[in-house]
């Protein structure tokens, strides 16, 4: 499904479904500490019903499945959900294709609702009351995020330059370490009970880093096939020049927990 948002990439349309195969292969990169932060909050564990919104290829429910929560996951893209189902073979995860704002689960359905890499895409005035209604008393929204740090990491910086060359409107560049932004409307019905930001080094090969960048919004989700082909040739040549075959890229992780009042 093509999305246009004037606050994202200058309004340039993007469709995550166009990059689903690369997303499935190259975006499941969160390190153990990323999941440890969730478990430390006592969330997404046995005895809990969990909903992952903007699930993409189901990275969060798939990775947390072994801890016993009863998972449902939703995404706006049919192609993303298809990949999620393929990757979740043998797991009892209920996947649905739906924009987050249009979900219609019963009141008090979930102990926790997770949103990873997607919270800033939502219409919060519309979705906040719905999340409140779907959560059980005392339930939590857990917002998760991870991004590379281009001002501190040379490879990330040079890769961003290639993306901006082919997609100058891409607004995903120039990330710095910061707390997850929580819109004011959540103050009406939720309390921010925890947040944390931390640096992490993520290992890559040239192939996997190229795939990670290719599957980002600024390339695979928004450029046409010829543009992607030309970008990829240039990006791979750049990596051959500046990176060893295996390397780490500095990222930061962030987490915020909102508890239902």
C-alpha atoms as a PDB file:
ATOM      1  CA  UNK A   1       0.000   0.000   0.000  1.00  0.00           C
ATOM      2  CA  UNK A   2       1.457   3.337  -1.066  1.00  0.00           C
ATOM      3  CA  UNK A   3       1.714   5.938   1.698  1.00  0.00           C
ATOM      4  CA  UNK A   4       2.079   9.681   1.296  1.00  0.00           C
ATOM      5  CA  UNK A   5       2.787  11.885   4.294  1.00  0.00           C
ATOM      6  CA  UNK A   6       3.929  15.475   3.883  1.00  0.00           C
ATOM      7  CA  UNK A   7       5.911  15.154   7.119  1.00  0.00           C
ATOM      8  CA  UNK A   8       7.951  12.223   5.741  1.00  0.00           C
ATOM      9  CA  UNK A   9      10.372  12.486   2.793  1.00  0.00           C
ATOM     10  CA  UNK A  10       8.765  15.737   1.663  1.00  0.00           C
ATOM     11  CA  UNK A  11       5.609  13.862   0.742  1.00  0.00           C
ATOM     12  CA  UNK A  12       7.366  11.412  -1.624  1.00  0.00           C
ATOM     13  CA  UNK A  13       5.220   8.235  -1.759  1.00  0.00           C
ATOM     14  CA  UNK A  14       6.597   4.990  -0.348  1.00  0.00           C
ATOM     15  CA  UNK A  15       5.383   1.408  -0.113  1.00  0.00           C
ATOM     16  CA  UNK A  16       7.021  -1.067   2.255  1.00  0.00           C
ATOM     17  CA  UNK A  17       5.535  -3.920   0.240  1.00  0.00           C
ATOM     18  CA  UNK A  18       7.974  -3.152  -2.574  1.00  0.00           C
ATOM     19  CA  UNK A  19      10.934  -4.043  -0.375  1.00  0.00           C
ATOM     20  CA  UNK A  20       9.436  -6.951   1.579  1.00  0.00           C
ATOM     21  CA  UNK A  21      11.833  -9.633   0.314  1.00  0.00           C
ATOM     22  CA  UNK A  22      14.889  -7.557   1.251  1.00  0.00           C
ATOM     23  CA  UNK A  23      13.211  -6.461   4.478  1.00  0.00           C
ATOM     24  CA  UNK A  24      12.698 -10.096   5.458  1.00  0.00           C
ATOM     25  CA  UNK A  25      16.322 -10.955   4.726  1.00  0.00           C
ATOM     26  CA  UNK A  26      18.171  -7.931   6.058  1.00  0.00           C
ATOM     27  CA  UNK A  27      16.108  -6.166   8.735  1.00  0.00           C
ATOM     28  CA  UNK A  28      16.096  -8.806  11.473  1.00  0.00           C
ATOM     29  CA  UNK A  29      19.222  -7.340  13.072  1.00  0.00           C
ATOM     30  CA  UNK A  30      18.294  -6.411  16.637  1.00  0.00           C
ATOM     31  CA  UNK A  31      20.889  -7.674  19.138  1.00  0.00           C
ATOM     32  CA  UNK A  32      20.064  -9.640  22.316  1.00  0.00           C
ATOM     33  CA  UNK A  33      20.178  -6.495  24.483  1.00  0.00           C
ATOM     34  CA  UNK A  34      17.290  -5.056  22.443  1.00  0.00           C
ATOM     35  CA  UNK A  35      15.043  -7.891  23.631  1.00  0.00           C
ATOM     36  CA  UNK A  36      16.524  -7.944  27.125  1.00  0.00           C
ATOM     37  CA  UNK A  37      15.207  -4.404  27.609  1.00  0.00           C
ATOM     38  CA  UNK A  38      11.695  -5.725  26.914  1.00  0.00           C
ATOM     39  CA  UNK A  39      12.015  -8.645  29.302  1.00  0.00           C
ATOM     40  CA  UNK A  40      13.396  -6.383  32.028  1.00  0.00           C
ATOM     41  CA  UNK A  41      10.078  -4.532  31.910  1.00  0.00           C
ATOM     42  CA  UNK A  42       8.223  -7.809  32.489  1.00  0.00           C
ATOM     43  CA  UNK A  43       6.536  -7.519  29.097  1.00  0.00           C
ATOM     44  CA  UNK A  44       5.798  -9.906  26.216  1.00  0.00           C
ATOM     45  CA  UNK A  45       6.065 -12.995  28.408  1.00  0.00           C
ATOM     46  CA  UNK A  46       3.981 -16.082  29.189  1.00  0.00           C
ATOM     47  CA  UNK A  47       0.496 -15.291  30.406  1.00  0.00           C
ATOM     48  CA  UNK A  48       0.257 -12.042  28.435  1.00  0.00           C
ATOM     49  CA  UNK A  49      -1.621 -11.219  25.261  1.00  0.00           C
ATOM     50  CA  UNK A  50       0.506  -8.975  23.042  1.00  0.00           C
ATOM     51  CA  UNK A  51      -0.253  -6.968  19.913  1.00  0.00           C
ATOM     52  CA  UNK A  52       2.538  -5.741  17.631  1.00  0.00           C
ATOM     53  CA  UNK A  53       1.431  -2.877  15.387  1.00  0.00           C
ATOM     54  CA  UNK A  54       3.358  -1.940  12.256  1.00  0.00           C
ATOM     55  CA  UNK A  55       4.856  -5.405  12.540  1.00  0.00           C
ATOM     56  CA  UNK A  56       6.526  -5.468   9.128  1.00  0.00           C
ATOM     57  CA  UNK A  57       7.831  -8.992   8.653  1.00  0.00           C
ATOM     58  CA  UNK A  58       6.973  -9.877  12.247  1.00  0.00           C
ATOM     59  CA  UNK A  59      10.436  -9.399  13.736  1.00  0.00           C
ATOM     60  CA  UNK A  60       9.226  -8.602  17.259  1.00  0.00           C
ATOM     61  CA  UNK A  61       6.628 -11.387  17.694  1.00  0.00           C
ATOM     62  CA  UNK A  62       8.901 -13.929  15.999  1.00  0.00           C
ATOM     63  CA  UNK A  63      11.900 -13.029  18.143  1.00  0.00           C
ATOM     64  CA  UNK A  64       9.887 -12.848  21.391  1.00  0.00           C
ATOM     65  CA  UNK A  65       7.732 -15.914  20.678  1.00  0.00           C
ATOM     66  CA  UNK A  66       9.890 -18.244  22.797  1.00  0.00           C
ATOM     67  CA  UNK A  67       9.045 -16.226  25.912  1.00  0.00           C
ATOM     68  CA  UNK A  68       5.459 -17.422  25.799  1.00  0.00           C
ATOM     69  CA  UNK A  69       3.198 -14.435  25.068  1.00  0.00           C
ATOM     70  CA  UNK A  70       0.090 -14.938  22.935  1.00  0.00           C
ATOM     71  CA  UNK A  71       0.880 -12.771  19.886  1.00  0.00           C
ATOM     72  CA  UNK A  72      -1.229 -10.901  17.365  1.00  0.00           C
ATOM     73  CA  UNK A  73       0.497  -8.687  14.791  1.00  0.00           C
ATOM     74  CA  UNK A  74      -0.763  -6.177  12.230  1.00  0.00           C
ATOM     75  CA  UNK A  75       0.743  -4.281   9.321  1.00  0.00           C
ATOM     76  CA  UNK A  76      -0.610  -2.037   6.587  1.00  0.00           C
ATOM     77  CA  UNK A  77       1.267  -3.971   3.856  1.00  0.00           C
ATOM     78  CA  UNK A  78      -0.073  -7.264   2.559  1.00  0.00           C
ATOM     79  CA  UNK A  79       3.388  -8.166   1.219  1.00  0.00           C
ATOM     80  CA  UNK A  80       4.965  -7.605   4.619  1.00  0.00           C
ATOM     81  CA  UNK A  81       2.393  -9.866   6.258  1.00  0.00           C
ATOM     82  CA  UNK A  82       3.012 -12.565   3.629  1.00  0.00           C
ATOM     83  CA  UNK A  83       6.709 -12.523   4.489  1.00  0.00           C
ATOM     84  CA  UNK A  84       5.910 -12.534   8.210  1.00  0.00           C
ATOM     85  CA  UNK A  85       3.789 -15.665   7.832  1.00  0.00           C
ATOM     86  CA  UNK A  86       6.515 -17.439   5.869  1.00  0.00           C
ATOM     87  CA  UNK A  87       9.126 -16.582   8.489  1.00  0.00           C
ATOM     88  CA  UNK A  88       6.787 -17.606  11.330  1.00  0.00           C
ATOM     89  CA  UNK A  89       6.161 -21.151  10.145  1.00  0.00           C
ATOM     90  CA  UNK A  90       5.443 -23.344  13.154  1.00  0.00           C
ATOM     91  CA  UNK A  91       4.588 -20.367  15.383  1.00  0.00           C
ATOM     92  CA  UNK A  92       1.049 -19.618  16.490  1.00  0.00           C
ATOM     93  CA  UNK A  93       1.047 -15.894  15.659  1.00  0.00           C
ATOM     94  CA  UNK A  94      -2.163 -14.267  14.447  1.00  0.00           C
ATOM     95  CA  UNK A  95      -1.254 -11.910  11.576  1.00  0.00           C
ATOM     96  CA  UNK A  96      -3.672  -9.391  10.078  1.00  0.00           C
ATOM     97  CA  UNK A  97      -3.322  -6.834   7.295  1.00  0.00           C
ATOM     98  CA  UNK A  98      -4.605  -3.496   8.542  1.00  0.00           C
ATOM     99  CA  UNK A  99      -3.515   0.091   9.085  1.00  0.00           C
ATOM    100  CA  UNK A 100      -2.949   0.569  12.788  1.00  0.00           C
ATOM    101  CA  UNK A 101      -5.606   3.282  12.929  1.00  0.00           C
ATOM    102  CA  UNK A 102      -8.239   0.890  11.565  1.00  0.00           C
ATOM    103  CA  UNK A 103      -7.710  -2.078  13.896  1.00  0.00           C
ATOM    104  CA  UNK A 104     -10.881  -3.131  15.671  1.00  0.00           C
ATOM    105  CA  UNK A 105     -10.082  -5.475  18.532  1.00  0.00           C
ATOM    106  CA  UNK A 106     -12.378  -5.763  21.543  1.00  0.00           C
ATOM    107  CA  UNK A 107     -11.940  -3.666  24.665  1.00  0.00           C
ATOM    108  CA  UNK A 108      -9.373  -4.959  27.178  1.00  0.00           C
ATOM    109  CA  UNK A 109      -7.868  -7.414  24.689  1.00  0.00           C
ATOM    110  CA  UNK A 110      -4.137  -7.021  25.364  1.00  0.00           C
ATOM    111  CA  UNK A 111      -1.664  -6.720  28.215  1.00  0.00           C
ATOM    112  CA  UNK A 112       0.899  -5.008  25.989  1.00  0.00           C
ATOM    113  CA  UNK A 113       0.969  -3.324  22.589  1.00  0.00           C
ATOM    114  CA  UNK A 114       4.369  -2.994  20.924  1.00  0.00           C
ATOM    115  CA  UNK A 115       5.394  -0.593  18.158  1.00  0.00           C
ATOM    116  CA  UNK A 116       8.897  -1.011  16.710  1.00  0.00           C
ATOM    117  CA  UNK A 117      10.347   1.435  14.154  1.00  0.00           C
ATOM    118  CA  UNK A 118       6.858   2.661  13.304  1.00  0.00           C
ATOM    119  CA  UNK A 119       5.445   4.870  16.074  1.00  0.00           C
ATOM    120  CA  UNK A 120       6.117   8.135  14.234  1.00  0.00           C
ATOM    121  CA  UNK A 121       4.066   7.007  11.221  1.00  0.00           C
ATOM    122  CA  UNK A 122       0.752   6.927  13.072  1.00  0.00           C
ATOM    123  CA  UNK A 123      -2.075   9.435  13.338  1.00  0.00           C
ATOM    124  CA  UNK A 124      -1.805   9.678  17.109  1.00  0.00           C
ATOM    125  CA  UNK A 125      -4.968  11.667  17.736  1.00  0.00           C
ATOM    126  CA  UNK A 126      -6.854   8.837  16.061  1.00  0.00           C
ATOM    127  CA  UNK A 127      -4.952   5.833  17.340  1.00  0.00           C
ATOM    128  CA  UNK A 128      -4.338   6.813  20.976  1.00  0.00           C
ATOM    129  CA  UNK A 129      -7.957   6.301  22.169  1.00  0.00           C
ATOM    130  CA  UNK A 130      -8.063   2.991  20.303  1.00  0.00           C
ATOM    131  CA  UNK A 131      -4.875   1.724  21.955  1.00  0.00           C
ATOM    132  CA  UNK A 132      -6.229   2.783  25.327  1.00  0.00           C
ATOM    133  CA  UNK A 133      -9.484   0.939  24.721  1.00  0.00           C
ATOM    134  CA  UNK A 134      -7.792  -2.275  23.539  1.00  0.00           C
ATOM    135  CA  UNK A 135      -5.409  -2.478  26.503  1.00  0.00           C
ATOM    136  CA  UNK A 136      -6.359  -4.231  29.703  1.00  0.00           C
ATOM    137  CA  UNK A 137      -6.320  -2.180  32.935  1.00  0.00           C
ATOM    138  CA  UNK A 138      -2.713  -1.350  33.748  1.00  0.00           C
ATOM    139  CA  UNK A 139      -1.597  -2.432  30.282  1.00  0.00           C
ATOM    140  CA  UNK A 140       1.383  -0.926  28.470  1.00  0.00           C
ATOM    141  CA  UNK A 141       2.370   0.492  25.114  1.00  0.00           C
ATOM    142  CA  UNK A 142       6.011  -0.384  24.475  1.00  0.00           C
ATOM    143  CA  UNK A 143       7.701   1.765  21.825  1.00  0.00           C
ATOM    144  CA  UNK A 144      10.978   0.488  20.377  1.00  0.00           C
ATOM    145  CA  UNK A 145      13.500   2.021  18.017  1.00  0.00           C
ATOM    146  CA  UNK A 146      17.000   1.442  16.669  1.00  0.00           C
ATOM    147  CA  UNK A 147      18.986   3.546  14.187  1.00  0.00           C
ATOM    148  CA  UNK A 148      22.537   4.002  12.987  1.00  0.00           C
ATOM    149  CA  UNK A 149      24.485   7.114  13.990  1.00  0.00           C
ATOM    150  CA  UNK A 150      25.911   8.762  10.854  1.00  0.00           C
ATOM    151  CA  UNK A 151      27.747  11.578  12.651  1.00  0.00           C
ATOM    152  CA  UNK A 152      29.667   9.000  14.678  1.00  0.00           C
ATOM    153  CA  UNK A 153      30.120   6.193  12.155  1.00  0.00           C
ATOM    154  CA  UNK A 154      31.901   6.674   8.796  1.00  0.00           C
ATOM    155  CA  UNK A 155      30.260   3.788   6.950  1.00  0.00           C
ATOM    156  CA  UNK A 156      26.786   4.925   8.005  1.00  0.00           C
ATOM    157  CA  UNK A 157      27.629   8.464   6.944  1.00  0.00           C
ATOM    158  CA  UNK A 158      28.872   7.461   3.497  1.00  0.00           C
ATOM    159  CA  UNK A 159      25.864   5.199   2.922  1.00  0.00           C
ATOM    160  CA  UNK A 160      23.499   8.030   3.794  1.00  0.00           C
ATOM    161  CA  UNK A 161      25.203  10.226   1.216  1.00  0.00           C
ATOM    162  CA  UNK A 162      24.413   7.684  -1.508  1.00  0.00           C
ATOM    163  CA  UNK A 163      20.755   7.499  -0.444  1.00  0.00           C
ATOM    164  CA  UNK A 164      20.428  11.280  -0.495  1.00  0.00           C
ATOM    165  CA  UNK A 165      22.010  11.425  -3.934  1.00  0.00           C
ATOM    166  CA  UNK A 166      19.174   9.321  -5.355  1.00  0.00           C
ATOM    167  CA  UNK A 167      16.445  10.503  -2.989  1.00  0.00           C
ATOM    168  CA  UNK A 168      17.213  14.048  -1.774  1.00  0.00           C
ATOM    169  CA  UNK A 169      13.835  14.286   0.005  1.00  0.00           C
ATOM    170  CA  UNK A 170      14.582  11.308   2.272  1.00  0.00           C
ATOM    171  CA  UNK A 171      14.059  12.514   5.834  1.00  0.00           C
ATOM    172  CA  UNK A 172      15.636   9.485   7.514  1.00  0.00           C
ATOM    173  CA  UNK A 173      19.152  10.915   7.341  1.00  0.00           C
ATOM    174  CA  UNK A 174      21.088  12.695  10.068  1.00  0.00           C
ATOM    175  CA  UNK A 175      19.884  10.631  13.021  1.00  0.00           C
ATOM    176  CA  UNK A 176      21.280  11.472  16.451  1.00  0.00           C
ATOM    177  CA  UNK A 177      20.764   9.681  19.732  1.00  0.00           C
ATOM    178  CA  UNK A 178      17.595  10.952  21.381  1.00  0.00           C
ATOM    179  CA  UNK A 179      14.613   9.875  23.439  1.00  0.00           C
ATOM    180  CA  UNK A 180      11.529   8.590  21.650  1.00  0.00           C
ATOM    181  CA  UNK A 181       9.097  11.440  21.104  1.00  0.00           C
ATOM    182  CA  UNK A 182       5.701  10.920  22.743  1.00  0.00           C
ATOM    183  CA  UNK A 183       2.914  13.185  21.404  1.00  0.00           C
ATOM    184  CA  UNK A 184       1.075  15.220  24.030  1.00  0.00           C
ATOM    185  CA  UNK A 185      -2.240  13.468  23.400  1.00  0.00           C
ATOM    186  CA  UNK A 186      -0.954  10.393  25.249  1.00  0.00           C
ATOM    187  CA  UNK A 187      -0.765  12.394  28.474  1.00  0.00           C
ATOM    188  CA  UNK A 188      -4.553  12.212  28.709  1.00  0.00           C
ATOM    189  CA  UNK A 189      -4.704   8.464  29.269  1.00  0.00           C
ATOM    190  CA  UNK A 190      -1.145   7.175  29.754  1.00  0.00           C
ATOM    191  CA  UNK A 191       1.817   7.718  32.023  1.00  0.00           C
ATOM    192  CA  UNK A 192       5.391   7.517  30.749  1.00  0.00           C
ATOM    193  CA  UNK A 193       6.875   5.088  33.271  1.00  0.00           C
ATOM    194  CA  UNK A 194      10.184   4.258  31.605  1.00  0.00           C
ATOM    195  CA  UNK A 195      12.494   5.279  28.803  1.00  0.00           C
ATOM    196  CA  UNK A 196      16.109   4.568  27.938  1.00  0.00           C
ATOM    197  CA  UNK A 197      18.601   5.184  25.133  1.00  0.00           C
ATOM    198  CA  UNK A 198      21.810   3.196  24.693  1.00  0.00           C
ATOM    199  CA  UNK A 199      24.607   2.766  22.135  1.00  0.00           C
ATOM    200  CA  UNK A 200      25.142  -0.575  20.410  1.00  0.00           C
ATOM    201  CA  UNK A 201      27.456  -1.886  17.700  1.00  0.00           C
ATOM    202  CA  UNK A 202      25.713  -4.063  15.107  1.00  0.00           C
ATOM    203  CA  UNK A 203      27.798  -6.494  12.989  1.00  0.00           C
ATOM    204  CA  UNK A 204      27.445  -6.540   9.203  1.00  0.00           C
ATOM    205  CA  UNK A 205      29.071  -7.867   6.082  1.00  0.00           C
ATOM    206  CA  UNK A 206      29.191  -5.748   2.951  1.00  0.00           C
ATOM    207  CA  UNK A 207      26.272  -7.769   1.595  1.00  0.00           C
ATOM    208  CA  UNK A 208      24.103  -7.466   4.702  1.00  0.00           C
ATOM    209  CA  UNK A 209      24.791  -3.739   5.144  1.00  0.00           C
ATOM    210  CA  UNK A 210      23.992  -3.110   1.491  1.00  0.00           C
ATOM    211  CA  UNK A 211      20.767  -5.056   2.014  1.00  0.00           C
ATOM    212  CA  UNK A 212      19.966  -3.085   5.150  1.00  0.00           C
ATOM    213  CA  UNK A 213      20.306   0.222   3.313  1.00  0.00           C
ATOM    214  CA  UNK A 214      18.515  -1.068   0.219  1.00  0.00           C
ATOM    215  CA  UNK A 215      15.521  -2.062   2.339  1.00  0.00           C
ATOM    216  CA  UNK A 216      15.210   1.370   3.937  1.00  0.00           C
ATOM    217  CA  UNK A 217      12.370   3.743   3.092  1.00  0.00           C
ATOM    218  CA  UNK A 218      14.616   6.016   1.051  1.00  0.00           C
ATOM    219  CA  UNK A 219      15.640   3.300  -1.422  1.00  0.00           C
ATOM    220  CA  UNK A 220      13.649   0.086  -1.739  1.00  0.00           C
ATOM    221  CA  UNK A 221      10.315   1.465  -0.589  1.00  0.00           C
ATOM    222  CA  UNK A 222      10.304   4.555  -2.808  1.00  0.00           C
ATOM    223  CA  UNK A 223      12.652   4.384  -5.838  1.00  0.00           C
ATOM    224  CA  UNK A 224      11.902   2.648  -9.134  1.00  0.00           C
ATOM    225  CA  UNK A 225      13.768  -0.476 -10.254  1.00  0.00           C
ATOM    226  CA  UNK A 226      16.263   1.368 -12.472  1.00  0.00           C
ATOM    227  CA  UNK A 227      17.083   3.877  -9.735  1.00  0.00           C
ATOM    228  CA  UNK A 228      17.578   1.072  -7.219  1.00  0.00           C
ATOM    229  CA  UNK A 229      19.846  -0.820  -9.619  1.00  0.00           C
ATOM    230  CA  UNK A 230      22.009   2.248 -10.241  1.00  0.00           C
ATOM    231  CA  UNK A 231      22.142   3.150  -6.548  1.00  0.00           C
ATOM    232  CA  UNK A 232      23.089  -0.400  -5.577  1.00  0.00           C
ATOM    233  CA  UNK A 233      26.004  -0.534  -8.014  1.00  0.00           C
ATOM    234  CA  UNK A 234      27.371   2.728  -6.625  1.00  0.00           C
ATOM    235  CA  UNK A 235      26.780   1.727  -3.002  1.00  0.00           C
ATOM    236  CA  UNK A 236      28.545  -1.616  -3.395  1.00  0.00           C
ATOM    237  CA  UNK A 237      31.527   0.065  -5.067  1.00  0.00           C
ATOM    238  CA  UNK A 238      31.704   2.550  -2.199  1.00  0.00           C
ATOM    239  CA  UNK A 239      31.683  -0.243   0.388  1.00  0.00           C
ATOM    240  CA  UNK A 240      34.485  -2.046  -1.445  1.00  0.00           C
ATOM    241  CA  UNK A 241      36.608   1.083  -1.059  1.00  0.00           C
ATOM    242  CA  UNK A 242      35.932   2.090   2.553  1.00  0.00           C
ATOM    243  CA  UNK A 243      34.953  -1.052   4.493  1.00  0.00           C
ATOM    244  CA  UNK A 244      36.499  -4.420   5.313  1.00  0.00           C
ATOM    245  CA  UNK A 245      34.453  -7.524   4.396  1.00  0.00           C
ATOM    246  CA  UNK A 246      33.040  -7.610   7.958  1.00  0.00           C
ATOM    247  CA  UNK A 247      32.533  -4.608  10.223  1.00  0.00           C
ATOM    248  CA  UNK A 248      30.311  -3.053  12.874  1.00  0.00           C
ATOM    249  CA  UNK A 249      28.095   0.006  12.521  1.00  0.00           C
ATOM    250  CA  UNK A 250      27.365   2.150  15.559  1.00  0.00           C
ATOM    251  CA  UNK A 251      23.648   2.368  16.336  1.00  0.00           C
ATOM    252  CA  UNK A 252      21.556   3.450  19.274  1.00  0.00           C
ATOM    253  CA  UNK A 253      18.555   1.707  20.734  1.00  0.00           C
ATOM    254  CA  UNK A 254      15.651   3.412  22.454  1.00  0.00           C
ATOM    255  CA  UNK A 255      12.682   2.191  24.439  1.00  0.00           C
ATOM    256  CA  UNK A 256       9.719   3.931  26.056  1.00  0.00           C
ATOM    257  CA  UNK A 257       6.893   2.404  28.080  1.00  0.00           C
ATOM    258  CA  UNK A 258       3.512   4.093  28.459  1.00  0.00           C
ATOM    259  CA  UNK A 259       1.201   2.620  31.078  1.00  0.00           C
ATOM    260  CA  UNK A 260      -2.563   2.895  30.875  1.00  0.00           C
ATOM    261  CA  UNK A 261      -3.986   5.110  33.622  1.00  0.00           C
END
